[in-house]
C-alpha atoms as a PDB file:
ATOM      1  CA  MET A   1       9.465   7.539  19.267  1.00  0.00           C
ATOM      2  CA  ALA A   2       6.051   7.739  20.852  1.00  0.00           C
ATOM      3  CA  HIS A   3       3.722   4.573  20.774  1.00  0.00           C
ATOM      4  CA  GLY A   4       6.438   2.082  19.615  1.00  0.00           C
ATOM      5  CA  ARG A   5       6.984   3.691  16.128  1.00  0.00           C
ATOM      6  CA  THR A   6      10.104   3.293  14.173  1.00  0.00           C
ATOM      7  CA  LYS A   7      11.678   5.794  12.098  1.00  0.00           C
ATOM      8  CA  ASN A   8      11.346   4.802   8.340  1.00  0.00           C
ATOM      9  CA  PRO A   9      14.726   4.078   6.960  1.00  0.00           C
ATOM     10  CA  LEU A  10      13.755   5.353   3.429  1.00  0.00           C
ATOM     11  CA  SER A  11      12.910   8.936   2.636  1.00  0.00           C
ATOM     12  CA  ASP A  12      11.016  10.402  -0.063  1.00  0.00           C
ATOM     13  CA  ARG A  13      12.621  13.594   0.740  1.00  0.00           C
ATOM     14  CA  THR A  14      15.156  13.209  -1.980  1.00  0.00           C
ATOM     15  CA  ILE A  15      12.319  13.608  -4.805  1.00  0.00           C
ATOM     16  CA  VAL A  16      13.073  16.977  -6.486  1.00  0.00           C
ATOM     17  CA  LEU A  17      10.297  18.655  -8.486  1.00  0.00           C
ATOM     18  CA  PRO A  18      11.280  20.096 -11.903  1.00  0.00           C
ATOM     19  CA  ARG A  19       9.742  23.426 -11.205  1.00  0.00           C
ATOM     20  CA  ALA A  20       7.025  24.714  -8.667  1.00  0.00           C
ATOM     21  CA  THR A  21       4.111  22.749  -8.865  1.00  0.00           C
ATOM     22  CA  ARG A  22       0.510  23.214  -7.653  1.00  0.00           C
ATOM     23  CA  PRO A  23      -0.850  20.406  -5.528  1.00  0.00           C
ATOM     24  CA  GLY A  24      -3.533  18.582  -7.520  1.00  0.00           C
ATOM     25  CA  SER A  25      -1.569  19.268 -10.871  1.00  0.00           C
ATOM     26  CA  PHE A  26      -0.428  16.399 -13.275  1.00  0.00           C
ATOM     27  CA  THR A  27       3.078  17.059 -12.376  1.00  0.00           C
ATOM     28  CA  ALA A  28       2.447  16.921  -8.530  1.00  0.00           C
ATOM     29  CA  LEU A  29       0.454  13.786  -8.930  1.00  0.00           C
ATOM     30  CA  MET A  30       3.547  12.141 -10.749  1.00  0.00           C
ATOM     31  CA  THR A  31       5.621  13.312  -7.977  1.00  0.00           C
ATOM     32  CA  LEU A  32       3.181  11.851  -5.368  1.00  0.00           C
ATOM     33  CA  TYR A  33       3.489   8.404  -7.259  1.00  0.00           C
ATOM     34  CA  GLU A  34       7.164   8.568  -6.769  1.00  0.00           C
ATOM     35  CA  SER A  35       6.726   9.067  -3.170  1.00  0.00           C
ATOM     36  CA  ASN A  36       4.386   6.220  -2.937  1.00  0.00           C
ATOM     37  CA  PHE A  37       6.826   4.062  -4.615  1.00  0.00           C
ATOM     38  CA  VAL A  38       9.499   5.007  -1.757  1.00  0.00           C
ATOM     39  CA  ARG A  39       7.045   4.516   0.999  1.00  0.00           C
ATOM     40  CA  LEU A  40       5.754   1.218  -0.285  1.00  0.00           C
ATOM     41  CA  GLY A  41       9.110  -0.099  -1.080  1.00  0.00           C
ATOM     42  CA  ALA A  42      10.069   0.554   2.665  1.00  0.00           C
ATOM     43  CA  LEU A  43       7.261  -1.967   3.542  1.00  0.00           C
ATOM     44  CA  LEU A  44       8.446  -4.805   1.078  1.00  0.00           C
ATOM     45  CA  ASP A  45      11.070  -7.271   1.578  1.00  0.00           C
ATOM     46  CA  GLY A  46      12.274  -8.612  -1.888  1.00  0.00           C
ATOM     47  CA  PRO A  47      10.673  -9.552  -4.865  1.00  0.00           C
ATOM     48  CA  LEU A  48       6.856 -10.346  -5.111  1.00  0.00           C
ATOM     49  CA  ALA A  49       5.183 -13.429  -6.764  1.00  0.00           C
ATOM     50  CA  GLU A  50       1.415 -13.488  -8.161  1.00  0.00           C
ATOM     51  CA  GLY A  51      -0.806 -15.068  -5.688  1.00  0.00           C
ATOM     52  CA  ASP A  52       1.664 -14.276  -2.573  1.00  0.00           C
ATOM     53  CA  ARG A  53      -0.001 -13.265   0.446  1.00  0.00           C
ATOM     54  CA  TYR A  54       1.434 -11.204   3.585  1.00  0.00           C
ATOM     55  CA  VAL A  55      -0.019 -10.144   6.796  1.00  0.00           C
ATOM     56  CA  SER A  56       2.004  -7.439   8.818  1.00  0.00           C
ATOM     57  CA  ALA A  57       1.081  -7.450  12.466  1.00  0.00           C
ATOM     58  CA  PRO A  58       2.952  -4.956  14.507  1.00  0.00           C
ATOM     59  CA  VAL A  59       2.138  -4.274  18.139  1.00  0.00           C
ATOM     60  CA  GLY A  60      -0.218  -1.054  18.216  1.00  0.00           C
ATOM     61  CA  ASP A  61      -2.212  -1.599  14.824  1.00  0.00           C
ATOM     62  CA  HIS A  62      -4.304  -3.933  13.222  1.00  0.00           C
ATOM     63  CA  PRO A  63      -3.052  -6.629  10.954  1.00  0.00           C
ATOM     64  CA  LEU A  64      -2.254  -5.419   7.758  1.00  0.00           C
ATOM     65  CA  HIS A  65      -3.024  -7.687   4.407  1.00  0.00           C
ATOM     66  CA  LEU A  66      -1.282  -7.524   1.206  1.00  0.00           C
ATOM     67  CA  THR A  67      -2.146  -9.952  -1.776  1.00  0.00           C
ATOM     68  CA  VAL A  68      -0.245  -9.771  -5.022  1.00  0.00           C
ATOM     69  CA  GLU A  69      -2.971 -10.020  -7.558  1.00  0.00           C
ATOM     70  CA  GLU A  70      -0.954  -9.766 -10.749  1.00  0.00           C
ATOM     71  CA  VAL A  71       2.716  -9.642 -11.828  1.00  0.00           C
ATOM     72  CA  CYS A  72       3.625  -8.651 -15.476  1.00  0.00           C
ATOM     73  CA  ARG A  73       6.843  -7.577 -16.930  1.00  0.00           C
ATOM     74  CA  TYR A  74       6.505  -4.030 -16.023  1.00  0.00           C
ATOM     75  CA  THR A  75       3.753  -3.875 -13.569  1.00  0.00           C
ATOM     76  CA  THR A  76       2.620  -5.569 -10.379  1.00  0.00           C
ATOM     77  CA  THR A  77      -0.833  -5.182  -9.164  1.00  0.00           C
ATOM     78  CA  LEU A  78      -1.363  -5.300  -5.147  1.00  0.00           C
ATOM     79  CA  HIS A  79      -4.259  -5.386  -2.902  1.00  0.00           C
ATOM     80  CA  MET A  80      -3.892  -3.854   0.626  1.00  0.00           C
ATOM     81  CA  THR A  81      -6.357  -3.760   3.318  1.00  0.00           C
ATOM     82  CA  TYR A  82      -7.262  -4.048   6.941  1.00  0.00           C
ATOM     83  CA  TYR A  83     -10.057  -6.358   7.966  1.00  0.00           C
ATOM     84  CA  PHE A  84     -12.533  -5.176  10.610  1.00  0.00           C
ATOM     85  CA  ASP A  85     -15.001  -7.235  12.466  1.00  0.00           C
ATOM     86  CA  ALA A  86     -18.776  -6.322  11.546  1.00  0.00           C
ATOM     87  CA  PRO A  87     -22.009  -8.125  12.152  1.00  0.00           C
ATOM     88  CA  ALA A  88     -22.255  -9.462   8.549  1.00  0.00           C
ATOM     89  CA  GLY A  89     -18.693 -10.482   8.565  1.00  0.00           C
ATOM     90  CA  PRO A  90     -15.188  -8.812   8.029  1.00  0.00           C
ATOM     91  CA  VAL A  91     -14.898  -5.501   6.387  1.00  0.00           C
ATOM     92  CA  ALA A  92     -11.986  -4.867   4.179  1.00  0.00           C
ATOM     93  CA  ASP A  93     -10.955  -1.324   4.704  1.00  0.00           C
ATOM     94  CA  PRO A  94      -9.166   0.880   3.181  1.00  0.00           C
ATOM     95  CA  ASP A  95      -9.392  -1.784   0.667  1.00  0.00           C
ATOM     96  CA  VAL A  96      -6.879  -0.160  -1.918  1.00  0.00           C
ATOM     97  CA  THR A  97      -5.619  -1.679  -5.230  1.00  0.00           C
ATOM     98  CA  VAL A  98      -2.000  -0.402  -6.219  1.00  0.00           C
ATOM     99  CA  ARG A  99      -0.123  -0.751  -9.089  1.00  0.00           C
ATOM    100  CA  LEU A 100       3.719  -0.628  -9.139  1.00  0.00           C
ATOM    101  CA  TYR A 101       5.327   0.506 -12.330  1.00  0.00           C
ATOM    102  CA  HIS A 102       8.748  -1.000 -11.927  1.00  0.00           C
ATOM    103  CA  ASP A 103      10.706   0.655 -14.780  1.00  0.00           C
ATOM    104  CA  ALA A 104       9.181   4.185 -13.969  1.00  0.00           C
ATOM    105  CA  ARG A 105       9.555   3.627 -10.144  1.00  0.00           C
ATOM    106  CA  LEU A 106       5.992   4.643  -9.493  1.00  0.00           C
ATOM    107  CA  VAL A 107       3.185   3.494  -7.598  1.00  0.00           C
ATOM    108  CA  GLU A 108      -0.669   4.455  -8.240  1.00  0.00           C
ATOM    109  CA  ALA A 109      -3.580   3.733  -6.076  1.00  0.00           C
ATOM    110  CA  MET A 110      -5.866   2.325  -8.743  1.00  0.00           C
ATOM    111  CA  GLY A 111      -9.066   1.953  -6.385  1.00  0.00           C
ATOM    112  CA  CYS A 112     -10.111   2.476  -3.067  1.00  0.00           C
ATOM    113  CA  ALA A 113     -13.367   1.792  -1.104  1.00  0.00           C
ATOM    114  CA  ALA A 114     -15.553   4.877  -0.327  1.00  0.00           C
ATOM    115  CA  LEU A 115     -16.116   3.870   3.072  1.00  0.00           C
ATOM    116  CA  ARG A 116     -13.108   3.855   5.212  1.00  0.00           C
ATOM    117  CA  ARG A 117     -12.956   3.039   8.885  1.00  0.00           C
ATOM    118  CA  HIS A 118      -9.473   3.366  10.056  1.00  0.00           C
ATOM    119  CA  LYS A 119      -8.712   6.536  11.882  1.00  0.00           C
ATOM    120  CA  ALA A 120      -5.638   7.370   9.692  1.00  0.00           C
ATOM    121  CA  VAL A 121      -7.496   7.773   6.609  1.00  0.00           C
ATOM    122  CA  LYS A 122     -11.105   8.246   7.487  1.00  0.00           C
ATOM    123  CA  HIS A 123     -11.429  11.872   6.845  1.00  0.00           C
ATOM    124  CA  LEU A 124     -10.128  11.617   3.145  1.00  0.00           C
ATOM    125  CA  ASP A 125     -12.839  11.890   0.578  1.00  0.00           C
ATOM    126  CA  ILE A 126     -11.948  10.337  -2.637  1.00  0.00           C
ATOM    127  CA  ARG A 127     -15.264  10.215  -4.477  1.00  0.00           C
ATOM    128  CA  THR A 128     -15.804  13.437  -5.802  1.00  0.00           C
ATOM    129  CA  GLY A 129     -14.131  15.994  -8.599  1.00  0.00           C
ATOM    130  CA  SER A 130     -12.645  15.340 -12.008  1.00  0.00           C
ATOM    131  CA  GLN A 131     -10.603  12.152 -12.756  1.00  0.00           C
ATOM    132  CA  LEU A 132      -7.267  14.249 -11.739  1.00  0.00           C
ATOM    133  CA  ASN A 133      -8.951  15.221  -8.552  1.00  0.00           C
ATOM    134  CA  ARG A 134     -10.014  11.802  -7.690  1.00  0.00           C
ATOM    135  CA  ARG A 135      -6.670  10.208  -8.414  1.00  0.00           C
ATOM    136  CA  TRP A 136      -5.041  12.941  -6.468  1.00  0.00           C
ATOM    137  CA  ALA A 137      -7.149  12.404  -3.189  1.00  0.00           C
ATOM    138  CA  ARG A 138      -6.682   8.406  -3.688  1.00  0.00           C
ATOM    139  CA  ASN A 139      -2.924   8.825  -3.768  1.00  0.00           C
ATOM    140  CA  VAL A 140      -2.645  11.428  -1.082  1.00  0.00           C
ATOM    141  CA  MET A 141      -4.667   8.850   1.076  1.00  0.00           C
ATOM    142  CA  LEU A 142      -2.098   5.889  -0.060  1.00  0.00           C
ATOM    143  CA  ASN A 143       0.784   8.296   0.633  1.00  0.00           C
ATOM    144  CA  LYS A 144      -0.413   9.013   4.288  1.00  0.00           C
ATOM    145  CA  TRP A 145      -1.504   5.580   4.810  1.00  0.00           C
ATOM    146  CA  LEU A 146       2.080   4.116   3.907  1.00  0.00           C
ATOM    147  CA  GLU A 147       3.742   6.519   5.910  1.00  0.00           C
ATOM    148  CA  TYR A 148       1.397   5.660   8.849  1.00  0.00           C
ATOM    149  CA  CYS A 149       2.163   1.917   8.310  1.00  0.00           C
ATOM    150  CA  ALA A 150       5.784   2.515   8.304  1.00  0.00           C
ATOM    151  CA  ASP A 151       5.696   4.613  11.411  1.00  0.00           C
ATOM    152  CA  LEU A 152       3.969   1.687  13.131  1.00  0.00           C
ATOM    153  CA  GLY A 153       6.530  -0.680  12.113  1.00  0.00           C
ATOM    154  CA  HIS A 154       4.390  -2.692   9.171  1.00  0.00           C
ATOM    155  CA  ARG A 155       6.777  -4.760   7.188  1.00  0.00           C
ATOM    156  CA  PHE A 156       5.859  -7.612   4.642  1.00  0.00           C
ATOM    157  CA  ARG A 157       8.459 -10.123   5.026  1.00  0.00           C
ATOM    158  CA  ARG A 158       8.850 -13.287   2.782  1.00  0.00           C
ATOM    159  CA  GLN A 159       8.005 -16.425   4.759  1.00  0.00           C
ATOM    160  CA  PRO A 160       8.992 -19.976   3.809  1.00  0.00           C
ATOM    161  CA  ARG A 161       6.593 -22.030   2.302  1.00  0.00           C
ATOM    162  CA  ILE A 162       4.609 -24.069   4.424  1.00  0.00           C
ATOM    163  CA  CYS A 163       4.246 -27.868   3.348  1.00  0.00           C
ATOM    164  CA  ASP A 164       0.693 -29.311   3.813  1.00  0.00           C
ATOM    165  CA  PRO A 165       1.369 -33.269   3.436  1.00  0.00           C
ATOM    166  CA  VAL A 166      -2.485 -33.650   2.808  1.00  0.00           C
ATOM    167  CA  VAL A 167      -2.227 -31.491  -0.432  1.00  0.00           C
ATOM    168  CA  ALA A 168       0.786 -32.646  -2.268  1.00  0.00           C
ATOM    169  CA  ASP A 169       1.149 -29.789  -4.646  1.00  0.00           C
ATOM    170  CA  THR A 170       1.587 -27.506  -1.871  1.00  0.00           C
ATOM    171  CA  CYS A 171       4.869 -28.975  -0.937  1.00  0.00           C
ATOM    172  CA  ASP A 172       8.292 -27.939  -2.387  1.00  0.00           C
ATOM    173  CA  GLY A 173      10.391 -30.474  -3.888  1.00  0.00           C
END
């Protein structure tokens, strides 16, 4: 494939709509959440623990940062972003908070910064409209971004914990 992209091994093409749906409808939004679950799952490698931080840095794209904010019985909340250099310091963009619903197998973009600099998502506006329209726009943006990340080869792989002998509680055992 062009630009060193890899084919996504998981596909959301198996998601079947119960009936014809209108883009932006509640039914279509739930289907989009299912697609987000599949696409995010393609980037993750195993279970997540609260406080975990990952960086994926394939050739051809900026390092992508993922932080596990909260892990509960039925949900996990993540923060995903790129960091861009700016005169006032690093700028997080697109700066998305996502929630995984484990039992329902859904992923929802809960929040997203209004200012986006990355070319893959810069044109999407998530600030206007009804609650449903804002959720639709946020989650379309997340869906496209997750597909873009998978195409570029982003993967969040579990790394062994690094032991810092100066800080005893960071060592296993």
